[in-house]
N, C-alpha and C. Protein backbone atom coordinates (compact mmCIF):
# COMPACT_ATOMS: atom_id res chain seq x y z
N UNK A 1 -23.03 2.09 -20.14
CA UNK A 1 -22.48 2.39 -18.86
C UNK A 1 -21.23 1.49 -18.69
N UNK A 2 -21.41 0.30 -18.94
CA UNK A 2 -20.36 -0.80 -18.85
C UNK A 2 -19.14 -0.52 -19.67
N UNK A 3 -19.36 0.02 -20.81
CA UNK A 3 -18.17 0.34 -21.75
C UNK A 3 -17.50 1.53 -21.08
N UNK A 4 -18.26 2.50 -20.72
CA UNK A 4 -17.55 3.69 -20.07
C UNK A 4 -16.79 3.15 -18.84
N UNK A 5 -17.26 2.33 -18.04
CA UNK A 5 -16.57 1.85 -16.85
C UNK A 5 -15.47 1.06 -17.22
N UNK A 6 -15.45 0.23 -18.29
CA UNK A 6 -14.29 -0.57 -18.67
C UNK A 6 -13.19 0.42 -19.30
N UNK A 7 -13.62 1.41 -20.01
CA UNK A 7 -12.64 2.38 -20.46
C UNK A 7 -12.02 3.10 -19.40
N UNK A 8 -12.72 3.55 -18.25
CA UNK A 8 -12.17 4.23 -17.21
C UNK A 8 -11.16 3.39 -16.42
N UNK A 9 -11.49 2.14 -16.18
CA UNK A 9 -10.72 1.13 -15.49
C UNK A 9 -9.32 0.90 -16.31
N UNK A 10 -9.31 0.88 -17.59
CA UNK A 10 -8.13 0.71 -18.42
C UNK A 10 -7.40 1.97 -18.31
N UNK A 11 -7.98 3.17 -18.41
CA UNK A 11 -7.24 4.42 -18.28
C UNK A 11 -6.71 4.48 -16.86
N UNK A 12 -7.39 4.16 -15.75
CA UNK A 12 -6.76 4.17 -14.39
C UNK A 12 -5.56 3.31 -14.40
N UNK A 13 -5.71 2.04 -14.96
CA UNK A 13 -4.48 1.12 -14.78
C UNK A 13 -3.22 1.67 -15.58
N UNK A 14 -3.58 2.24 -16.70
CA UNK A 14 -2.45 2.88 -17.48
C UNK A 14 -1.80 4.10 -16.93
N UNK A 15 -2.64 4.93 -16.30
CA UNK A 15 -2.18 6.18 -15.51
C UNK A 15 -1.30 5.54 -14.41
N UNK A 16 -1.74 4.67 -13.57
CA UNK A 16 -1.11 4.13 -12.51
C UNK A 16 0.22 3.63 -12.73
N UNK A 17 0.28 2.85 -13.88
CA UNK A 17 1.45 2.22 -14.37
C UNK A 17 2.50 3.32 -14.76
N UNK A 18 2.06 4.35 -15.34
CA UNK A 18 2.99 5.34 -15.84
C UNK A 18 3.41 6.16 -14.65
N UNK A 19 2.65 6.39 -13.78
CA UNK A 19 3.12 7.22 -12.57
C UNK A 19 4.04 6.50 -11.81
N UNK A 20 3.85 5.21 -11.47
CA UNK A 20 4.68 4.35 -10.58
C UNK A 20 6.07 4.17 -11.25
N UNK A 21 6.06 3.97 -12.56
CA UNK A 21 7.20 3.67 -13.32
C UNK A 21 8.20 4.72 -13.38
N UNK A 22 7.59 6.17 -13.51
CA UNK A 22 8.32 7.26 -13.83
C UNK A 22 8.79 8.10 -12.60
N UNK A 23 7.83 8.05 -11.65
CA UNK A 23 8.03 9.01 -10.37
C UNK A 23 8.33 8.28 -9.12
N UNK A 24 8.64 7.11 -9.18
CA UNK A 24 8.92 6.45 -7.92
C UNK A 24 10.23 6.96 -7.30
N UNK A 25 11.23 7.25 -7.96
CA UNK A 25 12.55 7.79 -7.39
C UNK A 25 12.63 9.31 -7.64
N UNK A 26 11.73 10.08 -7.73
CA UNK A 26 11.97 11.56 -7.91
C UNK A 26 12.13 12.13 -6.42
N UNK A 27 13.43 12.72 -6.38
CA UNK A 27 13.87 13.28 -5.04
C UNK A 27 13.09 14.71 -4.74
N UNK A 28 12.95 15.00 -3.47
CA UNK A 28 12.45 16.21 -3.17
C UNK A 28 13.49 16.98 -2.33
N UNK A 29 13.49 18.36 -2.52
CA UNK A 29 14.58 19.08 -1.83
C UNK A 29 13.95 20.09 -0.82
N UNK A 30 14.42 20.14 0.21
CA UNK A 30 13.71 20.96 1.30
C UNK A 30 13.90 22.57 0.82
N UNK A 31 15.04 22.90 0.25
CA UNK A 31 15.03 24.26 -0.23
C UNK A 31 14.49 24.41 -1.58
N UNK A 32 13.89 23.43 -2.24
CA UNK A 32 13.29 23.60 -3.47
C UNK A 32 14.22 23.22 -4.82
N UNK A 33 13.56 22.99 -5.71
CA UNK A 33 14.30 22.55 -7.01
C UNK A 33 14.97 23.77 -7.65
N UNK A 34 14.49 24.88 -7.62
CA UNK A 34 15.09 25.98 -8.25
C UNK A 34 16.46 26.20 -7.74
N UNK A 35 16.54 26.36 -6.44
CA UNK A 35 17.82 26.61 -5.88
C UNK A 35 18.76 25.42 -5.83
N UNK A 36 18.24 24.23 -5.76
CA UNK A 36 19.01 23.00 -5.83
C UNK A 36 19.60 22.89 -7.22
N UNK A 37 18.83 22.93 -8.26
CA UNK A 37 19.33 22.92 -9.59
C UNK A 37 20.26 23.99 -10.00
N UNK A 38 19.93 25.32 -9.56
CA UNK A 38 20.75 26.41 -9.96
C UNK A 38 22.12 26.25 -9.33
N UNK A 39 22.10 25.78 -8.03
CA UNK A 39 23.48 25.53 -7.35
C UNK A 39 24.36 24.47 -8.03
N UNK A 40 23.59 23.23 -8.27
CA UNK A 40 24.43 22.26 -8.95
C UNK A 40 24.92 22.54 -10.40
N UNK A 41 24.14 23.49 -11.04
CA UNK A 41 24.48 23.87 -12.41
C UNK A 41 25.55 25.12 -12.36
N UNK A 42 25.83 25.43 -11.10
CA UNK A 42 26.90 26.53 -11.08
C UNK A 42 26.32 27.84 -11.55
N UNK A 43 25.03 28.12 -11.44
CA UNK A 43 24.37 29.22 -11.85
C UNK A 43 24.08 30.18 -10.73
N UNK A 44 24.61 31.30 -10.79
CA UNK A 44 24.30 32.25 -9.45
C UNK A 44 23.04 32.86 -9.71
N UNK A 45 22.51 33.37 -8.48
CA UNK A 45 21.17 33.92 -8.55
C UNK A 45 21.12 35.21 -9.52
N UNK A 46 22.40 35.84 -9.47
CA UNK A 46 22.33 37.08 -10.43
C UNK A 46 22.37 36.75 -11.77
N UNK A 47 22.96 35.55 -12.19
CA UNK A 47 23.01 35.08 -13.66
C UNK A 47 21.55 34.58 -13.92
N UNK A 48 20.95 33.94 -13.04
CA UNK A 48 19.48 33.50 -13.33
C UNK A 48 18.59 34.69 -13.47
N UNK A 49 18.81 35.61 -12.65
CA UNK A 49 17.95 36.90 -12.72
C UNK A 49 18.17 37.51 -14.07
N UNK A 50 19.43 37.56 -14.60
CA UNK A 50 19.65 38.21 -15.90
C UNK A 50 18.90 37.48 -16.96
N UNK A 51 18.99 36.01 -16.97
CA UNK A 51 18.33 35.16 -17.94
C UNK A 51 16.86 35.42 -17.85
N UNK A 52 16.17 35.53 -16.74
CA UNK A 52 14.73 35.84 -16.57
C UNK A 52 14.42 37.27 -16.83
N UNK A 53 15.50 38.19 -16.89
CA UNK A 53 15.13 39.56 -16.94
C UNK A 53 14.37 40.13 -15.69
N UNK A 54 14.88 39.71 -14.57
CA UNK A 54 14.35 40.27 -13.28
C UNK A 54 15.55 40.63 -12.41
N UNK A 55 15.22 41.09 -11.19
CA UNK A 55 16.21 41.47 -10.27
C UNK A 55 16.58 40.28 -9.50
N UNK A 56 17.73 40.33 -8.90
CA UNK A 56 18.48 39.15 -8.18
C UNK A 56 17.49 39.04 -6.85
N UNK A 57 17.01 39.98 -6.29
CA UNK A 57 16.02 39.75 -5.16
C UNK A 57 14.73 39.03 -5.60
N UNK A 58 14.35 39.15 -6.91
CA UNK A 58 13.24 38.50 -7.36
C UNK A 58 13.46 36.92 -7.37
N UNK A 59 14.85 36.60 -7.59
CA UNK A 59 15.15 35.18 -7.63
C UNK A 59 15.09 34.59 -6.28
N UNK A 60 15.60 35.22 -5.21
CA UNK A 60 15.58 34.98 -3.95
C UNK A 60 13.93 34.62 -3.46
N UNK A 61 13.21 35.75 -3.97
CA UNK A 61 11.78 35.49 -3.66
C UNK A 61 11.13 34.34 -4.29
N UNK A 62 11.58 34.09 -5.45
CA UNK A 62 10.97 32.94 -6.28
C UNK A 62 11.42 31.71 -5.55
N UNK A 63 12.65 31.62 -5.05
CA UNK A 63 13.15 30.40 -4.42
C UNK A 63 12.47 30.18 -3.12
N UNK A 64 12.24 31.17 -2.43
CA UNK A 64 11.55 31.25 -1.06
C UNK A 64 10.05 30.79 -1.29
N UNK A 65 9.32 31.28 -2.30
CA UNK A 65 7.96 31.02 -2.41
C UNK A 65 7.83 29.49 -2.99
N UNK A 66 8.98 28.99 -3.65
CA UNK A 66 8.84 27.60 -4.07
C UNK A 66 8.90 26.70 -2.90
N UNK A 67 9.97 27.02 -1.90
CA UNK A 67 10.10 26.19 -0.84
C UNK A 67 9.07 26.30 0.17
N UNK A 68 8.32 27.28 0.11
CA UNK A 68 7.16 27.41 0.99
C UNK A 68 5.76 26.85 0.25
N UNK A 69 5.87 26.37 -1.22
CA UNK A 69 4.83 25.90 -1.71
C UNK A 69 3.83 26.92 -2.21
N UNK A 70 4.32 28.18 -2.48
CA UNK A 70 3.51 29.25 -2.98
C UNK A 70 3.65 29.80 -4.32
N UNK A 71 4.62 29.10 -5.08
CA UNK A 71 4.99 29.54 -6.40
C UNK A 71 3.93 29.01 -7.29
N UNK A 72 3.81 29.87 -8.46
CA UNK A 72 2.85 29.40 -9.56
C UNK A 72 3.55 28.50 -10.53
N UNK A 73 2.66 27.74 -11.18
CA UNK A 73 3.21 26.84 -12.31
C UNK A 73 3.92 27.64 -13.30
N UNK A 74 3.16 28.87 -13.55
CA UNK A 74 3.73 29.80 -14.69
C UNK A 74 5.19 30.27 -14.38
N UNK A 75 5.38 30.63 -13.06
CA UNK A 75 6.68 31.06 -12.70
C UNK A 75 7.62 29.95 -12.66
N UNK A 76 7.31 28.69 -12.30
CA UNK A 76 8.23 27.51 -12.21
C UNK A 76 8.63 27.15 -13.69
N UNK A 77 7.70 27.34 -14.65
CA UNK A 77 7.88 27.08 -16.07
C UNK A 77 8.95 27.89 -16.70
N UNK A 78 8.76 29.32 -16.39
CA UNK A 78 9.70 30.17 -16.83
C UNK A 78 11.18 30.02 -16.27
N UNK A 79 11.18 29.68 -14.99
CA UNK A 79 12.62 29.38 -14.32
C UNK A 79 13.16 28.18 -15.04
N UNK A 80 12.33 27.09 -15.22
CA UNK A 80 12.90 25.82 -15.82
C UNK A 80 13.34 26.10 -17.15
N UNK A 81 12.67 26.93 -17.92
CA UNK A 81 13.12 27.24 -19.31
C UNK A 81 14.41 28.00 -19.20
N UNK A 82 14.62 29.00 -18.23
CA UNK A 82 15.74 29.76 -18.18
C UNK A 82 16.96 28.97 -17.73
N UNK A 83 16.76 27.77 -17.10
CA UNK A 83 17.88 26.95 -16.67
C UNK A 83 17.87 25.63 -17.55
N UNK A 84 17.21 25.79 -18.74
CA UNK A 84 17.37 24.74 -19.85
C UNK A 84 16.82 23.44 -19.21
N UNK A 85 15.57 23.49 -18.55
CA UNK A 85 14.96 22.34 -17.97
C UNK A 85 13.47 22.39 -18.38
N UNK A 86 12.84 21.34 -18.02
CA UNK A 86 11.36 21.23 -18.26
C UNK A 86 10.62 21.04 -17.05
N UNK A 87 9.41 21.67 -16.98
CA UNK A 87 8.75 21.46 -15.73
C UNK A 87 7.67 20.30 -16.06
N UNK A 88 7.67 19.54 -14.97
CA UNK A 88 6.79 18.28 -15.14
C UNK A 88 5.96 18.38 -13.94
N UNK A 89 4.72 18.39 -14.11
CA UNK A 89 3.76 18.59 -13.01
C UNK A 89 3.00 17.32 -12.93
N UNK A 90 2.92 16.85 -11.69
CA UNK A 90 2.02 15.56 -11.54
C UNK A 90 1.53 15.46 -10.18
N UNK A 91 0.30 14.85 -10.06
CA UNK A 91 -0.36 14.43 -8.92
C UNK A 91 -0.09 12.95 -8.58
N UNK A 92 0.69 12.57 -7.54
CA UNK A 92 0.92 11.18 -7.50
C UNK A 92 0.22 10.68 -6.20
N UNK A 93 -0.64 9.63 -6.61
CA UNK A 93 -1.34 8.97 -5.42
C UNK A 93 -0.55 8.32 -4.40
N UNK A 94 -1.03 8.46 -3.18
CA UNK A 94 -0.16 7.80 -2.00
C UNK A 94 -0.37 6.29 -2.11
N UNK A 95 -1.38 5.77 -2.61
CA UNK A 95 -1.41 4.26 -2.68
C UNK A 95 -2.02 4.05 -4.11
N UNK A 96 -2.21 2.76 -4.48
CA UNK A 96 -2.76 2.58 -5.75
C UNK A 96 -4.24 3.25 -5.99
N UNK A 97 -4.45 3.57 -7.24
CA UNK A 97 -5.66 4.13 -7.60
C UNK A 97 -6.88 3.15 -7.21
N UNK A 98 -6.51 2.02 -7.46
CA UNK A 98 -7.58 0.94 -7.16
C UNK A 98 -7.89 0.89 -5.77
N UNK A 99 -6.77 1.00 -4.92
CA UNK A 99 -6.99 0.98 -3.46
C UNK A 99 -7.69 2.27 -2.94
N UNK A 100 -7.52 3.31 -3.47
CA UNK A 100 -8.14 4.55 -3.27
C UNK A 100 -9.66 4.39 -3.40
N UNK A 101 -9.96 3.84 -4.59
CA UNK A 101 -11.46 3.60 -4.90
C UNK A 101 -12.08 2.58 -4.07
N UNK A 102 -11.43 1.42 -3.80
CA UNK A 102 -11.88 0.48 -2.87
C UNK A 102 -12.26 1.07 -1.50
N UNK A 103 -11.30 1.84 -0.88
CA UNK A 103 -11.39 2.38 0.37
C UNK A 103 -12.58 3.34 0.41
N UNK A 104 -12.63 4.23 -0.65
CA UNK A 104 -13.82 5.16 -0.73
C UNK A 104 -15.19 4.65 -0.84
N UNK A 105 -15.17 3.43 -1.61
CA UNK A 105 -16.36 2.68 -1.99
C UNK A 105 -16.78 2.06 -0.54
N UNK A 106 -15.87 1.49 0.27
CA UNK A 106 -16.30 0.81 1.49
C UNK A 106 -16.68 1.72 2.39
N UNK A 107 -16.16 3.05 2.50
CA UNK A 107 -16.58 3.99 3.52
C UNK A 107 -18.05 4.47 3.10
N UNK A 108 -18.13 4.73 1.72
CA UNK A 108 -19.53 5.23 1.25
C UNK A 108 -20.63 4.19 1.64
N UNK A 109 -20.31 2.87 1.18
CA UNK A 109 -21.26 1.78 1.38
C UNK A 109 -21.51 1.59 2.91
N UNK A 110 -20.54 1.54 3.64
CA UNK A 110 -20.80 1.39 5.14
C UNK A 110 -21.76 2.40 5.65
N UNK A 111 -21.45 3.77 5.37
CA UNK A 111 -22.32 4.84 5.82
C UNK A 111 -23.84 4.62 5.18
N UNK A 112 -23.99 4.36 3.88
CA UNK A 112 -25.32 4.09 3.48
C UNK A 112 -25.92 2.92 4.14
N UNK A 113 -25.26 1.81 4.33
CA UNK A 113 -26.00 0.68 4.86
C UNK A 113 -26.29 0.97 6.37
N UNK A 114 -25.34 1.55 7.07
CA UNK A 114 -25.76 1.95 8.37
C UNK A 114 -26.98 2.77 8.64
N UNK A 115 -26.99 3.81 7.71
CA UNK A 115 -28.16 4.65 7.69
C UNK A 115 -29.45 3.83 7.53
N UNK A 116 -29.49 3.09 6.56
CA UNK A 116 -30.50 2.12 6.42
C UNK A 116 -30.86 1.23 7.56
N UNK A 117 -29.71 0.61 7.98
CA UNK A 117 -29.85 -0.30 9.27
C UNK A 117 -30.37 0.45 10.37
N UNK A 118 -29.90 1.60 10.61
CA UNK A 118 -30.53 2.44 11.83
C UNK A 118 -32.17 2.65 11.66
N UNK A 119 -32.45 2.96 10.43
CA UNK A 119 -34.02 3.13 10.25
C UNK A 119 -34.67 1.91 10.52
N UNK A 120 -34.11 0.75 10.03
CA UNK A 120 -34.77 -0.53 10.21
C UNK A 120 -34.88 -0.99 11.76
N UNK A 121 -33.76 -0.80 12.47
CA UNK A 121 -33.64 -0.92 13.78
C UNK A 121 -34.74 -0.20 14.63
N UNK A 122 -35.01 1.02 14.25
CA UNK A 122 -36.02 1.76 14.87
C UNK A 122 -37.34 1.16 14.62
N UNK A 123 -37.47 0.48 13.53
CA UNK A 123 -38.82 -0.19 13.21
C UNK A 123 -38.76 -1.72 13.54
N UNK A 124 -37.84 -2.05 14.51
CA UNK A 124 -37.56 -3.54 14.98
C UNK A 124 -37.33 -4.47 13.85
N UNK A 125 -36.62 -4.00 12.80
CA UNK A 125 -36.43 -4.95 11.72
C UNK A 125 -34.84 -5.06 11.33
N UNK A 126 -34.06 -4.99 12.43
CA UNK A 126 -32.67 -4.87 12.20
C UNK A 126 -32.17 -6.24 11.53
N UNK A 127 -31.10 -6.07 10.92
CA UNK A 127 -30.39 -7.28 10.23
C UNK A 127 -29.19 -7.67 11.05
N UNK A 128 -28.82 -8.84 10.77
CA UNK A 128 -27.64 -9.32 11.41
C UNK A 128 -26.23 -8.74 11.03
N UNK A 129 -25.20 -8.81 11.72
CA UNK A 129 -24.00 -8.10 11.50
C UNK A 129 -23.45 -8.76 10.00
N UNK A 130 -23.54 -10.09 9.98
CA UNK A 130 -23.27 -10.70 8.80
C UNK A 130 -23.84 -10.25 7.48
N UNK A 131 -25.22 -10.04 7.60
CA UNK A 131 -26.00 -9.56 6.47
C UNK A 131 -25.59 -8.07 6.26
N UNK A 132 -25.38 -7.26 7.10
CA UNK A 132 -24.74 -5.88 6.97
C UNK A 132 -23.48 -5.86 6.26
N UNK A 133 -22.59 -6.66 6.58
CA UNK A 133 -21.25 -6.84 5.98
C UNK A 133 -21.41 -7.21 4.53
N UNK A 134 -22.32 -8.24 4.23
CA UNK A 134 -22.50 -8.70 2.86
C UNK A 134 -23.12 -7.44 2.17
N UNK A 135 -24.01 -6.70 2.69
CA UNK A 135 -24.67 -5.61 1.89
C UNK A 135 -23.54 -4.46 1.66
N UNK A 136 -22.83 -4.25 2.61
CA UNK A 136 -21.76 -3.31 2.47
C UNK A 136 -20.70 -3.66 1.38
N UNK A 137 -20.42 -4.93 1.31
CA UNK A 137 -19.56 -5.52 0.31
C UNK A 137 -20.21 -5.33 -1.13
N UNK A 138 -21.36 -5.74 -1.33
CA UNK A 138 -21.97 -5.62 -2.53
C UNK A 138 -22.22 -4.25 -2.92
N UNK A 139 -22.71 -3.40 -2.18
CA UNK A 139 -22.80 -1.95 -2.50
C UNK A 139 -21.56 -1.31 -2.78
N UNK A 140 -20.42 -1.58 -2.09
CA UNK A 140 -19.10 -1.08 -2.27
C UNK A 140 -18.71 -1.37 -3.77
N UNK A 141 -18.98 -2.61 -3.98
CA UNK A 141 -18.56 -3.05 -5.44
C UNK A 141 -19.34 -2.33 -6.46
N UNK A 142 -20.59 -2.19 -6.35
CA UNK A 142 -21.39 -1.33 -7.33
C UNK A 142 -20.84 0.13 -7.39
N UNK A 143 -20.65 0.62 -6.22
CA UNK A 143 -20.26 2.07 -6.19
C UNK A 143 -18.94 2.20 -6.92
N UNK A 144 -18.02 1.34 -6.75
CA UNK A 144 -16.67 1.46 -7.21
C UNK A 144 -16.77 1.21 -8.80
N UNK A 145 -17.60 0.15 -9.24
CA UNK A 145 -17.65 -0.08 -10.61
C UNK A 145 -18.31 0.98 -11.30
N UNK A 146 -19.34 1.60 -10.81
CA UNK A 146 -19.96 2.66 -11.54
C UNK A 146 -19.39 4.22 -11.33
N UNK A 147 -18.28 4.27 -10.51
CA UNK A 147 -17.79 5.49 -10.04
C UNK A 147 -18.75 6.45 -9.58
N UNK A 148 -19.68 5.91 -8.75
CA UNK A 148 -20.74 6.73 -8.33
C UNK A 148 -20.34 8.00 -7.54
N UNK A 149 -21.10 9.06 -7.61
CA UNK A 149 -20.71 10.31 -7.14
C UNK A 149 -20.51 10.21 -5.46
N UNK A 150 -21.34 9.33 -4.92
CA UNK A 150 -21.28 9.09 -3.44
C UNK A 150 -19.96 8.66 -2.88
N UNK A 151 -19.02 8.25 -3.77
CA UNK A 151 -17.85 7.75 -3.34
C UNK A 151 -17.13 8.90 -2.65
N UNK A 152 -17.36 10.05 -2.94
CA UNK A 152 -16.58 11.19 -2.59
C UNK A 152 -17.45 12.19 -1.66
N UNK A 153 -18.56 11.65 -1.32
CA UNK A 153 -19.46 12.51 -0.57
C UNK A 153 -19.37 11.98 1.02
N UNK A 154 -18.71 10.94 1.32
CA UNK A 154 -18.63 10.51 2.64
C UNK A 154 -17.61 11.16 3.38
N UNK A 155 -16.85 12.11 2.85
CA UNK A 155 -15.80 12.87 3.58
C UNK A 155 -16.38 13.83 4.63
């Protein structure tokens, strides 16, 4: 299990490094990439329609669906190829992957320790705040290291 955890930690660091290095400055366009790229390339919607073997209104529909977030990856890939572009698809974390795991582990550990603490309080065996914080810290570390499924059950 430790070997798998070490391997996952390495993969996580490599993924994070690659994402932060390559995607930090990727712009976004309110009207979408299709329309923005088409216009800066001087490609009319009619010309793009011919390249894709669709009607001009189909291009307008594609551009609208992209700007609304409803376009399929398959459609985006076809449009990209027609404009001599590549489609790059990525999920980019809002914070570091390590920070996401640390936060999730702390949330899950807090919930688990509180649940046990509540039961103990009912039996007049409550623990001090400092002891509960220590337990949360230790459990959070264990949950994070093992990538315990309970990390994502606290939502």
